[in-house]
Amino acid sequence: MANITLHCFSCKTRLEYVDTVGFREECSKCMADVHVCKNCEFYDTSSYNECRETTADPVKEKERANFCDFFKPSSKSSNAKEQTDKLKSAAEALFKKKPN
């Protein structure tokens, strides 16, 4: 039996499952669906249909439960906005004008 750990895309609560994440699983804290694109390893906003799995059927609602057979729980604990904010801060610090 393999333990699966992921973080809810909505509230960032750490969730643990044994072997698989069911299609109807919900976050114990915010009740958001768990088997969703935004919790998947293949979710990528820069990819076609926002999915790196090229043979997956398109899913319109990325925050709603779906029956995608390619779903792989994401190991990322932070969302894309947090990563973007960190990169933006680093870039601003790099190009910040230094006093003479």
PDB file of N, CA and C in Angstrom:
ATOM      1  N   MET A   1       0.827  -1.190   0.000  1.00  0.00           N
ATOM      2  CA  MET A   1       0.000   0.000   0.000  1.00  0.00           C
ATOM      3  C   MET A   1       0.870   1.252   0.000  1.00  0.00           C
ATOM      4  N   ALA A   2       0.571   2.145  -0.903  1.00  0.00           N
ATOM      5  CA  ALA A   2       1.323   3.391  -1.010  1.00  0.00           C
ATOM      6  C   ALA A   2       0.502   4.544  -0.435  1.00  0.00           C
ATOM      7  N   ASN A   3       1.156   5.375   0.337  1.00  0.00           N
ATOM      8  CA  ASN A   3       0.486   6.555   0.867  1.00  0.00           C
ATOM      9  C   ASN A   3       0.626   7.697  -0.120  1.00  0.00           C
ATOM     10  N   ILE A   4      -0.459   8.431  -0.305  1.00  0.00           N
ATOM     11  CA  ILE A   4      -0.483   9.569  -1.213  1.00  0.00           C
ATOM     12  C   ILE A   4      -0.728  10.818  -0.379  1.00  0.00           C
ATOM     13  N   THR A   5       0.131  11.800  -0.532  1.00  0.00           N
ATOM     14  CA  THR A   5      -0.024  13.068   0.167  1.00  0.00           C
ATOM     15  C   THR A   5      -0.134  14.173  -0.873  1.00  0.00           C
ATOM     16  N   LEU A   6      -1.134  15.023  -0.703  1.00  0.00           N
ATOM     17  CA  LEU A   6      -1.275  16.191  -1.571  1.00  0.00           C
ATOM     18  C   LEU A   6      -1.856  17.329  -0.768  1.00  0.00           C
ATOM     19  N   HIS A   7      -1.829  18.517  -1.334  1.00  0.00           N
ATOM     20  CA  HIS A   7      -2.377  19.694  -0.678  1.00  0.00           C
ATOM     21  C   HIS A   7      -3.570  20.197  -1.483  1.00  0.00           C
ATOM     22  N   CYS A   8      -4.650  20.486  -0.800  1.00  0.00           N
ATOM     23  CA  CYS A   8      -5.864  20.989  -1.450  1.00  0.00           C
ATOM     24  C   CYS A   8      -5.538  22.264  -2.222  1.00  0.00           C
ATOM     25  N   PHE A   9      -5.967  22.338  -3.470  1.00  0.00           N
ATOM     26  CA  PHE A   9      -5.707  23.517  -4.298  1.00  0.00           C
ATOM     27  C   PHE A   9      -6.395  24.748  -3.728  1.00  0.00           C
ATOM     28  N   SER A  10      -7.483  24.553  -2.995  1.00  0.00           N
ATOM     29  CA  SER A  10      -8.299  25.649  -2.513  1.00  0.00           C
ATOM     30  C   SER A  10      -7.819  26.234  -1.187  1.00  0.00           C
ATOM     31  N   CYS A  11      -7.573  25.378  -0.188  1.00  0.00           N
ATOM     32  CA  CYS A  11      -7.223  25.871   1.145  1.00  0.00           C
ATOM     33  C   CYS A  11      -5.831  25.446   1.607  1.00  0.00           C
ATOM     34  N   LYS A  12      -5.128  24.665   0.786  1.00  0.00           N
ATOM     35  CA  LYS A  12      -3.753  24.200   1.053  1.00  0.00           C
ATOM     36  C   LYS A  12      -3.651  23.203   2.208  1.00  0.00           C
ATOM     37  N   THR A  13      -4.775  22.632   2.635  1.00  0.00           N
ATOM     38  CA  THR A  13      -4.749  21.616   3.688  1.00  0.00           C
ATOM     39  C   THR A  13      -4.049  20.369   3.176  1.00  0.00           C
ATOM     40  N   ARG A  14      -3.216  19.785   4.020  1.00  0.00           N
ATOM     41  CA  ARG A  14      -2.515  18.548   3.654  1.00  0.00           C
ATOM     42  C   ARG A  14      -3.500  17.382   3.767  1.00  0.00           C
ATOM     43  N   LEU A  15      -3.602  16.613   2.689  1.00  0.00           N
ATOM     44  CA  LEU A  15      -4.521  15.475   2.637  1.00  0.00           C
ATOM     45  C   LEU A  15      -3.732  14.198   2.389  1.00  0.00           C
ATOM     46  N   GLU A  16      -4.142  13.122   3.041  1.00  0.00           N
ATOM     47  CA  GLU A  16      -3.462  11.844   2.870  1.00  0.00           C
ATOM     48  C   GLU A  16      -4.462  10.759   2.480  1.00  0.00           C
ATOM     49  N   TYR A  17      -4.040   9.912   1.547  1.00  0.00           N
ATOM     50  CA  TYR A  17      -4.865   8.811   1.060  1.00  0.00           C
ATOM     51  C   TYR A  17      -3.993   7.566   0.939  1.00  0.00           C
ATOM     52  N   VAL A  18      -4.640   6.412   0.940  1.00  0.00           N
ATOM     53  CA  VAL A  18      -3.931   5.148   0.764  1.00  0.00           C
ATOM     54  C   VAL A  18      -4.225   4.634  -0.635  1.00  0.00           C
ATOM     55  N   ASP A  19      -3.199   4.400  -1.419  1.00  0.00           N
ATOM     56  CA  ASP A  19      -3.254   3.828  -2.774  1.00  0.00           C
ATOM     57  C   ASP A  19      -3.823   4.734  -3.856  1.00  0.00           C
ATOM     58  N   THR A  20      -4.974   5.340  -3.658  1.00  0.00           N
ATOM     59  CA  THR A  20      -5.605   6.104  -4.732  1.00  0.00           C
ATOM     60  C   THR A  20      -6.471   7.231  -4.181  1.00  0.00           C
ATOM     61  N   VAL A  21      -6.707   8.247  -5.018  1.00  0.00           N
ATOM     62  CA  VAL A  21      -7.625   9.333  -4.685  1.00  0.00           C
ATOM     63  C   VAL A  21      -8.894   9.080  -5.473  1.00  0.00           C
ATOM     64  N   GLY A  22      -9.987   8.840  -4.783  1.00  0.00           N
ATOM     65  CA  GLY A  22     -11.260   8.534  -5.430  1.00  0.00           C
ATOM     66  C   GLY A  22     -11.832   9.722  -6.193  1.00  0.00           C
ATOM     67  N   PHE A  23     -12.691   9.418  -7.154  1.00  0.00           N
ATOM     68  CA  PHE A  23     -13.306  10.462  -7.982  1.00  0.00           C
ATOM     69  C   PHE A  23     -14.159  11.427  -7.164  1.00  0.00           C
ATOM     70  N   ARG A  24     -14.708  10.962  -6.054  1.00  0.00           N
ATOM     71  CA  ARG A  24     -15.629  11.782  -5.256  1.00  0.00           C
ATOM     72  C   ARG A  24     -15.029  12.278  -3.943  1.00  0.00           C
ATOM     73  N   GLU A  25     -13.730  12.192  -3.793  1.00  0.00           N
ATOM     74  CA  GLU A  25     -13.082  12.649  -2.560  1.00  0.00           C
ATOM     75  C   GLU A  25     -13.229  14.162  -2.414  1.00  0.00           C
ATOM     76  N   GLU A  26     -13.385  14.613  -1.154  1.00  0.00           N
ATOM     77  CA  GLU A  26     -13.490  16.032  -0.852  1.00  0.00           C
ATOM     78  C   GLU A  26     -12.489  16.399   0.233  1.00  0.00           C
ATOM     79  N   CYS A  27     -12.050  17.642   0.229  1.00  0.00           N
ATOM     80  CA  CYS A  27     -11.150  18.144   1.256  1.00  0.00           C
ATOM     81  C   CYS A  27     -11.888  18.141   2.593  1.00  0.00           C
ATOM     82  N   SER A  28     -11.242  17.648   3.623  1.00  0.00           N
ATOM     83  CA  SER A  28     -11.872  17.561   4.938  1.00  0.00           C
ATOM     84  C   SER A  28     -12.083  18.935   5.576  1.00  0.00           C
ATOM     85  N   LYS A  29     -11.363  19.949   5.114  1.00  0.00           N
ATOM     86  CA  LYS A  29     -11.485  21.278   5.699  1.00  0.00           C
ATOM     87  C   LYS A  29     -12.462  22.177   4.937  1.00  0.00           C
ATOM     88  N   CYS A  30     -12.286  22.303   3.614  1.00  0.00           N
ATOM     89  CA  CYS A  30     -13.103  23.253   2.842  1.00  0.00           C
ATOM     90  C   CYS A  30     -14.148  22.583   1.957  1.00  0.00           C
ATOM     91  N   MET A  31     -14.141  21.244   1.930  1.00  0.00           N
ATOM     92  CA  MET A  31     -15.100  20.457   1.151  1.00  0.00           C
ATOM     93  C   MET A  31     -14.958  20.620  -0.361  1.00  0.00           C
ATOM     94  N   ALA A  32     -13.828  21.137  -0.825  1.00  0.00           N
ATOM     95  CA  ALA A  32     -13.572  21.241  -2.271  1.00  0.00           C
ATOM     96  C   ALA A  32     -13.300  19.840  -2.816  1.00  0.00           C
ATOM     97  N   ASP A  33     -13.641  19.610  -4.078  1.00  0.00           N
ATOM     98  CA  ASP A  33     -13.333  18.340  -4.723  1.00  0.00           C
ATOM     99  C   ASP A  33     -11.818  18.169  -4.762  1.00  0.00           C
ATOM    100  N   VAL A  34     -11.349  16.919  -4.651  1.00  0.00           N
ATOM    101  CA  VAL A  34      -9.908  16.642  -4.636  1.00  0.00           C
ATOM    102  C   VAL A  34      -9.420  16.082  -5.971  1.00  0.00           C
ATOM    103  N   HIS A  35     -10.228  15.239  -6.624  1.00  0.00           N
ATOM    104  CA  HIS A  35      -9.836  14.630  -7.908  1.00  0.00           C
ATOM    105  C   HIS A  35     -10.119  15.647  -9.011  1.00  0.00           C
ATOM    106  N   VAL A  36      -9.304  16.729  -9.032  1.00  0.00           N
ATOM    107  CA  VAL A  36      -9.506  17.843  -9.964  1.00  0.00           C
ATOM    108  C   VAL A  36      -8.196  18.169 -10.670  1.00  0.00           C
ATOM    109  N   CYS A  37      -8.305  18.858 -11.767  1.00  0.00           N
ATOM    110  CA  CYS A  37      -7.111  19.233 -12.544  1.00  0.00           C
ATOM    111  C   CYS A  37      -6.099  20.010 -11.705  1.00  0.00           C
ATOM    112  N   LYS A  38      -6.578  20.935 -10.883  1.00  0.00           N
ATOM    113  CA  LYS A  38      -5.662  21.786 -10.122  1.00  0.00           C
ATOM    114  C   LYS A  38      -4.886  21.021  -9.048  1.00  0.00           C
ATOM    115  N   ASN A  39      -5.260  19.791  -8.758  1.00  0.00           N
ATOM    116  CA  ASN A  39      -4.508  18.952  -7.823  1.00  0.00           C
ATOM    117  C   ASN A  39      -3.686  17.898  -8.553  1.00  0.00           C
ATOM    118  N   CYS A  40      -3.613  17.988  -9.868  1.00  0.00           N
ATOM    119  CA  CYS A  40      -2.955  16.969 -10.678  1.00  0.00           C
ATOM    120  C   CYS A  40      -1.537  17.389 -11.073  1.00  0.00           C
ATOM    121  N   GLU A  41      -0.658  16.426 -11.118  1.00  0.00           N
ATOM    122  CA  GLU A  41       0.734  16.649 -11.524  1.00  0.00           C
ATOM    123  C   GLU A  41       0.822  17.191 -12.961  1.00  0.00           C
ATOM    124  N   PHE A  42      -0.130  16.847 -13.819  1.00  0.00           N
ATOM    125  CA  PHE A  42      -0.098  17.259 -15.222  1.00  0.00           C
ATOM    126  C   PHE A  42      -0.696  18.648 -15.466  1.00  0.00           C
ATOM    127  N   TYR A  43      -1.314  19.258 -14.459  1.00  0.00           N
ATOM    128  CA  TYR A  43      -1.925  20.581 -14.624  1.00  0.00           C
ATOM    129  C   TYR A  43      -0.841  21.617 -14.878  1.00  0.00           C
ATOM    130  N   ASP A  44      -1.005  22.360 -15.975  1.00  0.00           N
ATOM    131  CA  ASP A  44      -0.024  23.368 -16.366  1.00  0.00           C
ATOM    132  C   ASP A  44      -0.739  24.426 -17.186  1.00  0.00           C
ATOM    133  N   THR A  45      -0.851  25.624 -16.664  1.00  0.00           N
ATOM    134  CA  THR A  45      -1.598  26.676 -17.356  1.00  0.00           C
ATOM    135  C   THR A  45      -0.980  27.083 -18.683  1.00  0.00           C
ATOM    136  N   SER A  46       0.281  26.765 -18.888  1.00  0.00           N
ATOM    137  CA  SER A  46       0.931  27.142 -20.148  1.00  0.00           C
ATOM    138  C   SER A  46       0.810  26.065 -21.232  1.00  0.00           C
ATOM    139  N   SER A  47       0.214  24.932 -20.903  1.00  0.00           N
ATOM    140  CA  SER A  47       0.042  23.840 -21.873  1.00  0.00           C
ATOM    141  C   SER A  47      -1.325  23.922 -22.547  1.00  0.00           C
ATOM    142  N   TYR A  48      -1.417  23.250 -23.691  1.00  0.00           N
ATOM    143  CA  TYR A  48      -2.693  23.167 -24.405  1.00  0.00           C
ATOM    144  C   TYR A  48      -3.716  22.503 -23.496  1.00  0.00           C
ATOM    145  N   ASN A  49      -4.907  23.086 -23.365  1.00  0.00           N
ATOM    146  CA  ASN A  49      -5.966  22.623 -22.464  1.00  0.00           C
ATOM    147  C   ASN A  49      -5.511  22.586 -21.005  1.00  0.00           C
ATOM    148  N   GLU A  50      -4.436  23.300 -20.693  1.00  0.00           N
ATOM    149  CA  GLU A  50      -3.870  23.373 -19.341  1.00  0.00           C
ATOM    150  C   GLU A  50      -3.507  22.002 -18.770  1.00  0.00           C
ATOM    151  N   CYS A  51      -3.056  21.106 -19.658  1.00  0.00           N
ATOM    152  CA  CYS A  51      -2.689  19.755 -19.242  1.00  0.00           C
ATOM    153  C   CYS A  51      -1.489  19.270 -20.057  1.00  0.00           C
ATOM    154  N   ARG A  52      -0.464  18.759 -19.369  1.00  0.00           N
ATOM    155  CA  ARG A  52       0.725  18.253 -20.062  1.00  0.00           C
ATOM    156  C   ARG A  52       0.506  16.842 -20.609  1.00  0.00           C
ATOM    157  N   GLU A  53      -0.562  16.168 -20.205  1.00  0.00           N
ATOM    158  CA  GLU A  53      -0.883  14.838 -20.746  1.00  0.00           C
ATOM    159  C   GLU A  53      -1.620  15.054 -22.064  1.00  0.00           C
ATOM    160  N   THR A  54      -0.963  14.783 -23.158  1.00  0.00           N
ATOM    161  CA  THR A  54      -1.497  15.123 -24.482  1.00  0.00           C
ATOM    162  C   THR A  54      -2.680  14.269 -24.919  1.00  0.00           C
ATOM    163  N   THR A  55      -2.870  13.100 -24.352  1.00  0.00           N
ATOM    164  CA  THR A  55      -3.978  12.243 -24.778  1.00  0.00           C
ATOM    165  C   THR A  55      -5.198  12.349 -23.862  1.00  0.00           C
ATOM    166  N   ALA A  56      -5.130  13.188 -22.842  1.00  0.00           N
ATOM    167  CA  ALA A  56      -6.278  13.361 -21.934  1.00  0.00           C
ATOM    168  C   ALA A  56      -7.377  14.168 -22.615  1.00  0.00           C
ATOM    169  N   ASP A  57      -8.624  13.830 -22.298  1.00  0.00           N
ATOM    170  CA  ASP A  57      -9.749  14.602 -22.806  1.00  0.00           C
ATOM    171  C   ASP A  57      -9.753  15.979 -22.147  1.00  0.00           C
ATOM    172  N   PRO A  58     -10.152  17.019 -22.885  1.00  0.00           N
ATOM    173  CA  PRO A  58     -10.204  18.360 -22.297  1.00  0.00           C
ATOM    174  C   PRO A  58     -11.217  18.428 -21.151  1.00  0.00           C
ATOM    175  N   VAL A  59     -10.854  19.140 -20.095  1.00  0.00           N
ATOM    176  CA  VAL A  59     -11.745  19.363 -18.954  1.00  0.00           C
ATOM    177  C   VAL A  59     -11.915  20.869 -18.826  1.00  0.00           C
ATOM    178  N   LYS A  60     -13.169  21.335 -18.858  1.00  0.00           N
ATOM    179  CA  LYS A  60     -13.420  22.771 -18.814  1.00  0.00           C
ATOM    180  C   LYS A  60     -13.317  23.339 -17.404  1.00  0.00           C
ATOM    181  N   GLU A  61     -13.873  22.638 -16.422  1.00  0.00           N
ATOM    182  CA  GLU A  61     -13.892  23.140 -15.053  1.00  0.00           C
ATOM    183  C   GLU A  61     -12.750  22.500 -14.265  1.00  0.00           C
ATOM    184  N   LYS A  62     -11.663  23.222 -14.126  1.00  0.00           N
ATOM    185  CA  LYS A  62     -10.433  22.685 -13.519  1.00  0.00           C
ATOM    186  C   LYS A  62     -10.532  22.506 -12.008  1.00  0.00           C
ATOM    187  N   GLU A  63     -11.554  23.091 -11.373  1.00  0.00           N
ATOM    188  CA  GLU A  63     -11.715  22.992  -9.925  1.00  0.00           C
ATOM    189  C   GLU A  63     -12.855  22.056  -9.527  1.00  0.00           C
ATOM    190  N   ARG A  64     -13.427  21.335 -10.489  1.00  0.00           N
ATOM    191  CA  ARG A  64     -14.530  20.411 -10.209  1.00  0.00           C
ATOM    192  C   ARG A  64     -14.074  18.981 -10.438  1.00  0.00           C
ATOM    193  N   ALA A  65     -14.668  18.057  -9.694  1.00  0.00           N
ATOM    194  CA  ALA A  65     -14.314  16.643  -9.819  1.00  0.00           C
ATOM    195  C   ALA A  65     -14.488  16.178 -11.259  1.00  0.00           C
ATOM    196  N   ASN A  66     -13.581  15.302 -11.709  1.00  0.00           N
ATOM    197  CA  ASN A  66     -13.669  14.759 -13.056  1.00  0.00           C
ATOM    198  C   ASN A  66     -13.254  13.293 -13.042  1.00  0.00           C
ATOM    199  N   PHE A  67     -13.438  12.630 -14.138  1.00  0.00           N
ATOM    200  CA  PHE A  67     -13.149  11.199 -14.233  1.00  0.00           C
ATOM    201  C   PHE A  67     -11.912  10.919 -15.090  1.00  0.00           C
ATOM    202  N   CYS A  68     -10.976  11.844 -15.102  1.00  0.00           N
ATOM    203  CA  CYS A  68      -9.771  11.675 -15.906  1.00  0.00           C
ATOM    204  C   CYS A  68      -8.947  10.497 -15.383  1.00  0.00           C
ATOM    205  N   ASP A  69      -8.637   9.564 -16.264  1.00  0.00           N
ATOM    206  CA  ASP A  69      -7.850   8.389 -15.890  1.00  0.00           C
ATOM    207  C   ASP A  69      -6.365   8.701 -15.741  1.00  0.00           C
ATOM    208  N   PHE A  70      -5.942   9.876 -16.201  1.00  0.00           N
ATOM    209  CA  PHE A  70      -4.533  10.250 -16.122  1.00  0.00           C
ATOM    210  C   PHE A  70      -4.208  11.007 -14.834  1.00  0.00           C
ATOM    211  N   PHE A  71      -5.202  11.243 -13.989  1.00  0.00           N
ATOM    212  CA  PHE A  71      -4.998  12.005 -12.759  1.00  0.00           C
ATOM    213  C   PHE A  71      -3.871  11.405 -11.928  1.00  0.00           C
ATOM    214  N   LYS A  72      -2.909  12.268 -11.593  1.00  0.00           N
ATOM    215  CA  LYS A  72      -1.797  11.874 -10.728  1.00  0.00           C
ATOM    216  C   LYS A  72      -1.665  12.976  -9.671  1.00  0.00           C
ATOM    217  N   PRO A  73      -1.872  12.653  -8.401  1.00  0.00           N
ATOM    218  CA  PRO A  73      -1.830  13.688  -7.369  1.00  0.00           C
ATOM    219  C   PRO A  73      -0.528  14.488  -7.417  1.00  0.00           C
ATOM    220  N   SER A  74      -0.667  15.788  -7.367  1.00  0.00           N
ATOM    221  CA  SER A  74       0.496  16.675  -7.427  1.00  0.00           C
ATOM    222  C   SER A  74       1.267  16.643  -6.118  1.00  0.00           C
ATOM    223  N   SER A  75       2.563  16.639  -6.230  1.00  0.00           N
ATOM    224  CA  SER A  75       3.412  16.662  -5.044  1.00  0.00           C
ATOM    225  C   SER A  75       3.753  18.097  -4.641  1.00  0.00           C
ATOM    226  N   LYS A  76       3.284  19.057  -5.402  1.00  0.00           N
ATOM    227  CA  LYS A  76       3.569  20.466  -5.113  1.00  0.00           C
ATOM    228  C   LYS A  76       2.695  20.936  -3.954  1.00  0.00           C
ATOM    229  N   SER A  77       3.293  21.664  -3.030  1.00  0.00           N
ATOM    230  CA  SER A  77       2.533  22.145  -1.884  1.00  0.00           C
ATOM    231  C   SER A  77       2.084  23.590  -2.040  1.00  0.00           C
ATOM    232  N   SER A  78       2.612  24.297  -2.999  1.00  0.00           N
ATOM    233  CA  SER A  78       2.209  25.681  -3.197  1.00  0.00           C
ATOM    234  C   SER A  78       1.573  25.840  -4.568  1.00  0.00           C
ATOM    235  N   ASN A  79       0.712  26.815  -4.693  1.00  0.00           N
ATOM    236  CA  ASN A  79       0.040  27.000  -5.975  1.00  0.00           C
ATOM    237  C   ASN A  79       0.835  27.924  -6.891  1.00  0.00           C
ATOM    238  N   ALA A  80       0.373  28.071  -8.084  1.00  0.00           N
ATOM    239  CA  ALA A  80       1.083  28.853  -9.100  1.00  0.00           C
ATOM    240  C   ALA A  80       1.190  30.325  -8.719  1.00  0.00           C
ATOM    241  N   LYS A  81       0.178  30.876  -8.071  1.00  0.00           N
ATOM    242  CA  LYS A  81       0.214  32.286  -7.676  1.00  0.00           C
ATOM    243  C   LYS A  81       1.335  32.532  -6.669  1.00  0.00           C
ATOM    244  N   GLU A  82       1.486  31.635  -5.707  1.00  0.00           N
ATOM    245  CA  GLU A  82       2.563  31.795  -4.728  1.00  0.00           C
ATOM    246  C   GLU A  82       3.920  31.743  -5.414  1.00  0.00           C
ATOM    247  N   GLN A  83       4.081  30.835  -6.364  1.00  0.00           N
ATOM    248  CA  GLN A  83       5.341  30.721  -7.093  1.00  0.00           C
ATOM    249  C   GLN A  83       5.599  31.977  -7.924  1.00  0.00           C
ATOM    250  N   THR A  84       4.556  32.489  -8.557  1.00  0.00           N
ATOM    251  CA  THR A  84       4.678  33.709  -9.351  1.00  0.00           C
ATOM    252  C   THR A  84       5.078  34.879  -8.471  1.00  0.00           C
ATOM    253  N   ASP A  85       4.458  34.993  -7.295  1.00  0.00           N
ATOM    254  CA  ASP A  85       4.795  36.077  -6.377  1.00  0.00           C
ATOM    255  C   ASP A  85       6.255  36.005  -5.925  1.00  0.00           C
ATOM    256  N   LYS A  86       6.735  34.797  -5.644  1.00  0.00           N
ATOM    257  CA  LYS A  86       8.127  34.623  -5.228  1.00  0.00           C
ATOM    258  C   LYS A  86       9.086  35.037  -6.343  1.00  0.00           C
ATOM    259  N   LEU A  87       8.783  34.611  -7.575  1.00  0.00           N
ATOM    260  CA  LEU A  87       9.637  34.963  -8.712  1.00  0.00           C
ATOM    261  C   LEU A  87       9.625  36.470  -8.971  1.00  0.00           C
ATOM    262  N   LYS A  88       8.458  37.075  -8.835  1.00  0.00           N
ATOM    263  CA  LYS A  88       8.339  38.513  -9.057  1.00  0.00           C
ATOM    264  C   LYS A  88       9.147  39.282  -8.014  1.00  0.00           C
ATOM    265  N   SER A  89       9.067  38.850  -6.756  1.00  0.00           N
ATOM    266  CA  SER A  89       9.829  39.499  -5.688  1.00  0.00           C
ATOM    267  C   SER A  89      11.329  39.375  -5.928  1.00  0.00           C
ATOM    268  N   ALA A  90      11.748  38.197  -6.362  1.00  0.00           N
ATOM    269  CA  ALA A  90      13.168  37.981  -6.644  1.00  0.00           C
ATOM    270  C   ALA A  90      13.627  38.872  -7.795  1.00  0.00           C
ATOM    271  N   ALA A  91      12.816  39.005  -8.831  1.00  0.00           N
ATOM    272  CA  ALA A  91      13.173  39.848  -9.973  1.00  0.00           C
ATOM    273  C   ALA A  91      13.234  41.318  -9.564  1.00  0.00           C
ATOM    274  N   GLU A  92      12.282  41.754  -8.741  1.00  0.00           N
ATOM    275  CA  GLU A  92      12.294  43.144  -8.281  1.00  0.00           C
ATOM    276  C   GLU A  92      13.533  43.430  -7.439  1.00  0.00           C
ATOM    277  N   ALA A  93      13.901  42.478  -6.584  1.00  0.00           N
ATOM    278  CA  ALA A  93      15.097  42.650  -5.749  1.00  0.00           C
ATOM    279  C   ALA A  93      16.354  42.704  -6.614  1.00  0.00           C
ATOM    280  N   LEU A  94      16.383  41.919  -7.661  1.00  0.00           N
ATOM    281  CA  LEU A  94      17.540  41.880  -8.547  1.00  0.00           C
ATOM    282  C   LEU A  94      17.734  43.194  -9.288  1.00  0.00           C
ATOM    283  N   PHE A  95      16.644  43.800  -9.743  1.00  0.00           N
ATOM    284  CA  PHE A  95      16.738  45.012 -10.545  1.00  0.00           C
ATOM    285  C   PHE A  95      16.468  46.280  -9.746  1.00  0.00           C
ATOM    286  N   LYS A  96      16.398  46.167  -8.449  1.00  0.00           N
ATOM    287  CA  LYS A  96      16.157  47.325  -7.604  1.00  0.00           C
ATOM    288  C   LYS A  96      17.340  48.284  -7.701  1.00  0.00           C
ATOM    289  N   LYS A  97      17.043  49.555  -7.840  1.00  0.00           N
ATOM    290  CA  LYS A  97      18.088  50.563  -7.989  1.00  0.00           C
ATOM    291  C   LYS A  97      18.788  50.760  -6.650  1.00  0.00           C
ATOM    292  N   LYS A  98      20.099  50.627  -6.682  1.00  0.00           N
ATOM    293  CA  LYS A  98      20.896  50.791  -5.465  1.00  0.00           C
ATOM    294  C   LYS A  98      21.315  52.248  -5.321  1.00  0.00           C
ATOM    295  N   PRO A  99      21.298  52.748  -4.080  1.00  0.00           N
ATOM    296  CA  PRO A  99      21.740  54.146  -3.875  1.00  0.00           C
ATOM    297  C   PRO A  99      23.241  54.274  -4.093  1.00  0.00           C
ATOM    298  N   ASN A 100      23.671  55.442  -4.569  1.00  0.00           N
ATOM    299  CA  ASN A 100      25.091  55.681  -4.860  1.00  0.00           C
ATOM    300  C   ASN A 100      25.876  55.901  -3.603  1.00  0.00           C
TER     301      ASN A 100
END
